[in-house]
Amino acid sequence: MHSFVYRANALLTLGVTVLALMCAMASLSDNLNVPSPSAHVHVLNINWFQRQRDGNDEVSLTLNISANLQSMFTWNTKQAFVFLSAEYETPKNSLNQVSLWDGIIPSQEHAKFWIHATNKYRFADQGSNLRGKEFNLTLHWHVMPKTGRMFADKIVMTGYRLPEEYR
């Protein structure tokens, strides 16, 4: 009555439908998780703060970064990408973001960390806008699931200020 091709097609369609349904349920079950991550960044030292030859300001910071991001990890989490940025305003731009440090967290065991480091990337401004500037340090993360949509969030830490004079 039905040939082998029709039966194989029906079996394949059923398998793909069941797999898609399982992926959708896995994705929806992740929405039930309400993460409560915590982070703290302490600026230990301003190593140097200078004006470059091209007129741009540049800063080197020594930072203590501590975070507990374990609540973001569920059975469906593959890894998380984390980065720390400095955010500030200038007369030209309402938001300037400079990435200072980043890392990949492969598992829940590594999601609670304390790092003592200098900024991994240059903290520079196009112009001489950094003297005496207030800035926020923001810890951003992007959670990459095994299946489903990727989500991102952040923790903003305020109250940081650069010196008025170059060092």
C-alpha atoms as a PDB file:
ATOM      1  CA  MET A   1       0.000   0.000   0.000  1.00  0.00           C
ATOM      2  CA  HIS A   2       2.654   2.555   1.055  1.00  0.00           C
ATOM      3  CA  SER A   3       6.135   2.336  -0.321  1.00  0.00           C
ATOM      4  CA  PHE A   4       9.327   2.357   1.741  1.00  0.00           C
ATOM      5  CA  VAL A   5       9.933   6.048   0.872  1.00  0.00           C
ATOM      6  CA  TYR A   6       6.531   7.116   2.262  1.00  0.00           C
ATOM      7  CA  ARG A   7       7.131   5.203   5.507  1.00  0.00           C
ATOM      8  CA  ALA A   8      10.675   6.634   5.889  1.00  0.00           C
ATOM      9  CA  ASN A   9       9.298  10.139   5.282  1.00  0.00           C
ATOM     10  CA  ALA A  10       6.582   9.663   7.934  1.00  0.00           C
ATOM     11  CA  LEU A  11       9.131   8.337  10.434  1.00  0.00           C
ATOM     12  CA  LEU A  12      11.558  11.207   9.734  1.00  0.00           C
ATOM     13  CA  THR A  13       8.770  13.798  10.057  1.00  0.00           C
ATOM     14  CA  LEU A  14       7.671  12.309  13.374  1.00  0.00           C
ATOM     15  CA  GLY A  15      11.267  12.304  14.676  1.00  0.00           C
ATOM     16  CA  VAL A  16      11.893  15.936  13.680  1.00  0.00           C
ATOM     17  CA  THR A  17       8.555  17.017  15.193  1.00  0.00           C
ATOM     18  CA  VAL A  18       9.327  15.302  18.512  1.00  0.00           C
ATOM     19  CA  LEU A  19      12.842  16.809  18.555  1.00  0.00           C
ATOM     20  CA  ALA A  20      11.484  20.317  17.848  1.00  0.00           C
ATOM     21  CA  LEU A  21       8.891  19.894  20.615  1.00  0.00           C
ATOM     22  CA  MET A  22      11.580  18.791  23.088  1.00  0.00           C
ATOM     23  CA  CYS A  23      13.767  21.794  22.162  1.00  0.00           C
ATOM     24  CA  ALA A  24      10.828  24.171  22.633  1.00  0.00           C
ATOM     25  CA  MET A  25      10.038  22.670  26.064  1.00  0.00           C
ATOM     26  CA  ALA A  26      13.698  22.931  27.079  1.00  0.00           C
ATOM     27  CA  SER A  27      13.786  26.547  25.997  1.00  0.00           C
ATOM     28  CA  LEU A  28      10.598  27.365  27.896  1.00  0.00           C
ATOM     29  CA  SER A  29      11.809  25.609  31.044  1.00  0.00           C
ATOM     30  CA  ASP A  30      14.793  28.003  31.123  1.00  0.00           C
ATOM     31  CA  ASN A  31      12.364  30.911  31.499  1.00  0.00           C
ATOM     32  CA  LEU A  32      11.413  29.560  34.944  1.00  0.00           C
ATOM     33  CA  ASN A  33      14.954  30.206  36.213  1.00  0.00           C
ATOM     34  CA  VAL A  34      15.278  33.625  37.868  1.00  0.00           C
ATOM     35  CA  PRO A  35      19.013  34.280  38.234  1.00  0.00           C
ATOM     36  CA  SER A  36      20.363  36.490  41.024  1.00  0.00           C
ATOM     37  CA  PRO A  37      24.006  37.172  40.124  1.00  0.00           C
ATOM     38  CA  SER A  38      26.203  39.460  42.193  1.00  0.00           C
ATOM     39  CA  ALA A  39      29.371  41.349  41.339  1.00  0.00           C
ATOM     40  CA  HIS A  40      31.738  43.874  42.840  1.00  0.00           C
ATOM     41  CA  VAL A  41      34.639  45.726  41.254  1.00  0.00           C
ATOM     42  CA  HIS A  42      37.214  47.634  43.248  1.00  0.00           C
ATOM     43  CA  VAL A  43      39.653  49.989  41.519  1.00  0.00           C
ATOM     44  CA  LEU A  44      42.882  49.389  43.441  1.00  0.00           C
ATOM     45  CA  ASN A  45      45.144  51.760  41.567  1.00  0.00           C
ATOM     46  CA  ILE A  46      45.343  54.106  38.627  1.00  0.00           C
ATOM     47  CA  ASN A  47      48.661  52.923  37.192  1.00  0.00           C
ATOM     48  CA  TRP A  48      48.945  55.804  34.780  1.00  0.00           C
ATOM     49  CA  PHE A  49      46.708  58.460  33.312  1.00  0.00           C
ATOM     50  CA  GLN A  50      48.132  60.388  30.421  1.00  0.00           C
ATOM     51  CA  ARG A  51      47.448  62.316  27.273  1.00  0.00           C
ATOM     52  CA  GLN A  52      48.765  60.574  24.166  1.00  0.00           C
ATOM     53  CA  ARG A  53      50.593  62.384  21.347  1.00  0.00           C
ATOM     54  CA  ASP A  54      47.432  62.319  19.256  1.00  0.00           C
ATOM     55  CA  GLY A  55      45.534  64.191  22.008  1.00  0.00           C
ATOM     56  CA  ASN A  56      43.567  61.216  23.326  1.00  0.00           C
ATOM     57  CA  ASP A  57      43.369  60.400  27.029  1.00  0.00           C
ATOM     58  CA  GLU A  58      44.404  56.912  28.146  1.00  0.00           C
ATOM     59  CA  VAL A  59      44.148  55.211  31.550  1.00  0.00           C
ATOM     60  CA  SER A  60      45.553  52.001  33.008  1.00  0.00           C
ATOM     61  CA  LEU A  61      43.726  50.592  36.045  1.00  0.00           C
ATOM     62  CA  THR A  62      44.393  47.773  38.484  1.00  0.00           C
ATOM     63  CA  LEU A  63      41.106  46.062  39.340  1.00  0.00           C
ATOM     64  CA  ASN A  64      39.737  43.452  41.719  1.00  0.00           C
ATOM     65  CA  ILE A  65      36.752  41.807  40.049  1.00  0.00           C
ATOM     66  CA  SER A  66      34.665  39.409  42.102  1.00  0.00           C
ATOM     67  CA  ALA A  67      31.421  37.852  40.931  1.00  0.00           C
ATOM     68  CA  ASN A  68      29.053  35.031  41.683  1.00  0.00           C
ATOM     69  CA  LEU A  69      27.200  34.143  38.485  1.00  0.00           C
ATOM     70  CA  GLN A  70      26.343  30.547  39.430  1.00  0.00           C
ATOM     71  CA  SER A  71      22.591  31.221  39.491  1.00  0.00           C
ATOM     72  CA  MET A  72      22.664  31.875  35.717  1.00  0.00           C
ATOM     73  CA  PHE A  73      23.664  28.295  34.988  1.00  0.00           C
ATOM     74  CA  THR A  74      20.982  25.671  34.439  1.00  0.00           C
ATOM     75  CA  TRP A  75      21.050  22.264  32.809  1.00  0.00           C
ATOM     76  CA  ASN A  76      20.578  24.066  29.458  1.00  0.00           C
ATOM     77  CA  THR A  77      23.523  26.486  29.787  1.00  0.00           C
ATOM     78  CA  LYS A  78      26.487  25.807  27.528  1.00  0.00           C
ATOM     79  CA  GLN A  79      28.684  28.750  28.617  1.00  0.00           C
ATOM     80  CA  ALA A  80      28.604  32.439  29.496  1.00  0.00           C
ATOM     81  CA  PHE A  81      30.610  35.293  28.011  1.00  0.00           C
ATOM     82  CA  VAL A  82      31.388  38.000  30.588  1.00  0.00           C
ATOM     83  CA  PHE A  83      32.956  41.417  30.093  1.00  0.00           C
ATOM     84  CA  LEU A  84      33.590  44.508  32.188  1.00  0.00           C
ATOM     85  CA  SER A  85      33.129  47.918  30.597  1.00  0.00           C
ATOM     86  CA  ALA A  86      33.662  51.500  31.681  1.00  0.00           C
ATOM     87  CA  GLU A  87      30.731  53.729  30.733  1.00  0.00           C
ATOM     88  CA  TYR A  88      30.744  57.517  30.794  1.00  0.00           C
ATOM     89  CA  GLU A  89      29.269  60.597  29.122  1.00  0.00           C
ATOM     90  CA  THR A  90      31.030  63.246  27.059  1.00  0.00           C
ATOM     91  CA  PRO A  91      29.694  66.445  25.492  1.00  0.00           C
ATOM     92  CA  LYS A  92      29.722  64.713  22.095  1.00  0.00           C
ATOM     93  CA  ASN A  93      28.220  61.324  23.127  1.00  0.00           C
ATOM     94  CA  SER A  94      25.652  60.485  25.768  1.00  0.00           C
ATOM     95  CA  LEU A  95      27.107  56.981  26.195  1.00  0.00           C
ATOM     96  CA  ASN A  96      30.708  55.862  25.740  1.00  0.00           C
ATOM     97  CA  GLN A  97      31.536  52.224  26.475  1.00  0.00           C
ATOM     98  CA  VAL A  98      35.075  50.901  26.731  1.00  0.00           C
ATOM     99  CA  SER A  99      35.660  47.196  27.310  1.00  0.00           C
ATOM    100  CA  LEU A 100      38.288  46.658  30.021  1.00  0.00           C
ATOM    101  CA  TRP A 101      38.268  42.889  30.608  1.00  0.00           C
ATOM    102  CA  ASP A 102      36.462  39.795  29.300  1.00  0.00           C
ATOM    103  CA  GLY A 103      36.304  36.063  29.815  1.00  0.00           C
ATOM    104  CA  ILE A 104      34.378  32.896  29.001  1.00  0.00           C
ATOM    105  CA  ILE A 105      32.853  30.893  31.840  1.00  0.00           C
ATOM    106  CA  PRO A 106      32.525  27.284  30.686  1.00  0.00           C
ATOM    107  CA  SER A 107      30.616  25.842  33.660  1.00  0.00           C
ATOM    108  CA  GLN A 108      28.859  26.587  36.940  1.00  0.00           C
ATOM    109  CA  GLU A 109      31.980  25.598  38.909  1.00  0.00           C
ATOM    110  CA  HIS A 110      33.881  28.480  37.286  1.00  0.00           C
ATOM    111  CA  ALA A 111      31.043  31.003  37.687  1.00  0.00           C
ATOM    112  CA  LYS A 112      32.188  32.161  41.116  1.00  0.00           C
ATOM    113  CA  PHE A 113      35.472  33.994  40.654  1.00  0.00           C
ATOM    114  CA  TRP A 114      37.825  36.663  41.957  1.00  0.00           C
ATOM    115  CA  ILE A 115      40.324  38.244  39.567  1.00  0.00           C
ATOM    116  CA  HIS A 116      43.116  40.721  40.245  1.00  0.00           C
ATOM    117  CA  ALA A 117      44.124  42.297  36.935  1.00  0.00           C
ATOM    118  CA  THR A 118      44.969  45.416  35.012  1.00  0.00           C
ATOM    119  CA  ASN A 119      42.615  46.357  32.223  1.00  0.00           C
ATOM    120  CA  LYS A 120      43.062  43.870  29.383  1.00  0.00           C
ATOM    121  CA  TYR A 121      42.090  46.421  26.722  1.00  0.00           C
ATOM    122  CA  ARG A 122      43.027  50.096  26.354  1.00  0.00           C
ATOM    123  CA  PHE A 123      40.856  52.546  28.293  1.00  0.00           C
ATOM    124  CA  ALA A 124      41.186  55.468  25.894  1.00  0.00           C
ATOM    125  CA  ASP A 125      38.952  58.365  24.897  1.00  0.00           C
ATOM    126  CA  GLN A 126      39.052  60.183  21.578  1.00  0.00           C
ATOM    127  CA  GLY A 127      39.823  63.598  22.963  1.00  0.00           C
ATOM    128  CA  SER A 128      40.773  64.897  26.361  1.00  0.00           C
ATOM    129  CA  ASN A 129      37.466  64.119  28.066  1.00  0.00           C
ATOM    130  CA  LEU A 130      38.580  61.805  30.880  1.00  0.00           C
ATOM    131  CA  ARG A 131      40.115  64.248  33.389  1.00  0.00           C
ATOM    132  CA  GLY A 132      37.880  64.349  36.475  1.00  0.00           C
ATOM    133  CA  LYS A 133      35.295  62.201  34.690  1.00  0.00           C
ATOM    134  CA  GLU A 134      32.793  60.125  36.647  1.00  0.00           C
ATOM    135  CA  PHE A 135      32.259  56.683  35.176  1.00  0.00           C
ATOM    136  CA  ASN A 136      30.376  53.466  35.863  1.00  0.00           C
ATOM    137  CA  LEU A 137      31.827  49.984  35.725  1.00  0.00           C
ATOM    138  CA  THR A 138      29.343  47.541  34.223  1.00  0.00           C
ATOM    139  CA  LEU A 139      29.639  43.768  34.260  1.00  0.00           C
ATOM    140  CA  HIS A 140      27.815  42.389  31.201  1.00  0.00           C
ATOM    141  CA  TRP A 141      27.111  38.739  30.457  1.00  0.00           C
ATOM    142  CA  HIS A 142      25.678  36.763  27.563  1.00  0.00           C
ATOM    143  CA  VAL A 143      24.420  33.272  28.416  1.00  0.00           C
ATOM    144  CA  MET A 144      24.663  30.787  25.561  1.00  0.00           C
ATOM    145  CA  PRO A 145      22.220  27.895  25.959  1.00  0.00           C
ATOM    146  CA  LYS A 146      22.492  24.422  24.488  1.00  0.00           C
ATOM    147  CA  THR A 147      19.116  25.053  22.861  1.00  0.00           C
ATOM    148  CA  GLY A 148      16.916  28.131  22.694  1.00  0.00           C
ATOM    149  CA  ARG A 149      17.592  31.835  22.669  1.00  0.00           C
ATOM    150  CA  MET A 150      20.670  33.544  24.052  1.00  0.00           C
ATOM    151  CA  PHE A 151      20.051  36.162  26.748  1.00  0.00           C
ATOM    152  CA  ALA A 152      22.107  39.016  28.145  1.00  0.00           C
ATOM    153  CA  ASP A 153      22.031  41.166  31.257  1.00  0.00           C
ATOM    154  CA  LYS A 154      24.315  43.398  33.315  1.00  0.00           C
ATOM    155  CA  ILE A 155      25.118  44.829  36.732  1.00  0.00           C
ATOM    156  CA  VAL A 156      25.994  48.543  36.857  1.00  0.00           C
ATOM    157  CA  MET A 157      28.344  49.745  39.618  1.00  0.00           C
ATOM    158  CA  THR A 158      28.498  53.513  40.085  1.00  0.00           C
ATOM    159  CA  GLY A 159      30.679  55.973  41.942  1.00  0.00           C
ATOM    160  CA  TYR A 160      34.037  55.862  40.166  1.00  0.00           C
ATOM    161  CA  ARG A 161      35.983  58.999  39.218  1.00  0.00           C
ATOM    162  CA  LEU A 162      39.220  59.651  37.361  1.00  0.00           C
ATOM    163  CA  PRO A 163      41.742  62.210  38.676  1.00  0.00           C
ATOM    164  CA  GLU A 164      41.743  65.848  37.553  1.00  0.00           C
ATOM    165  CA  GLU A 165      45.441  65.791  36.570  1.00  0.00           C
ATOM    166  CA  TYR A 166      47.491  63.460  34.386  1.00  0.00           C
ATOM    167  CA  ARG A 167      49.951  61.115  36.114  1.00  0.00           C
END
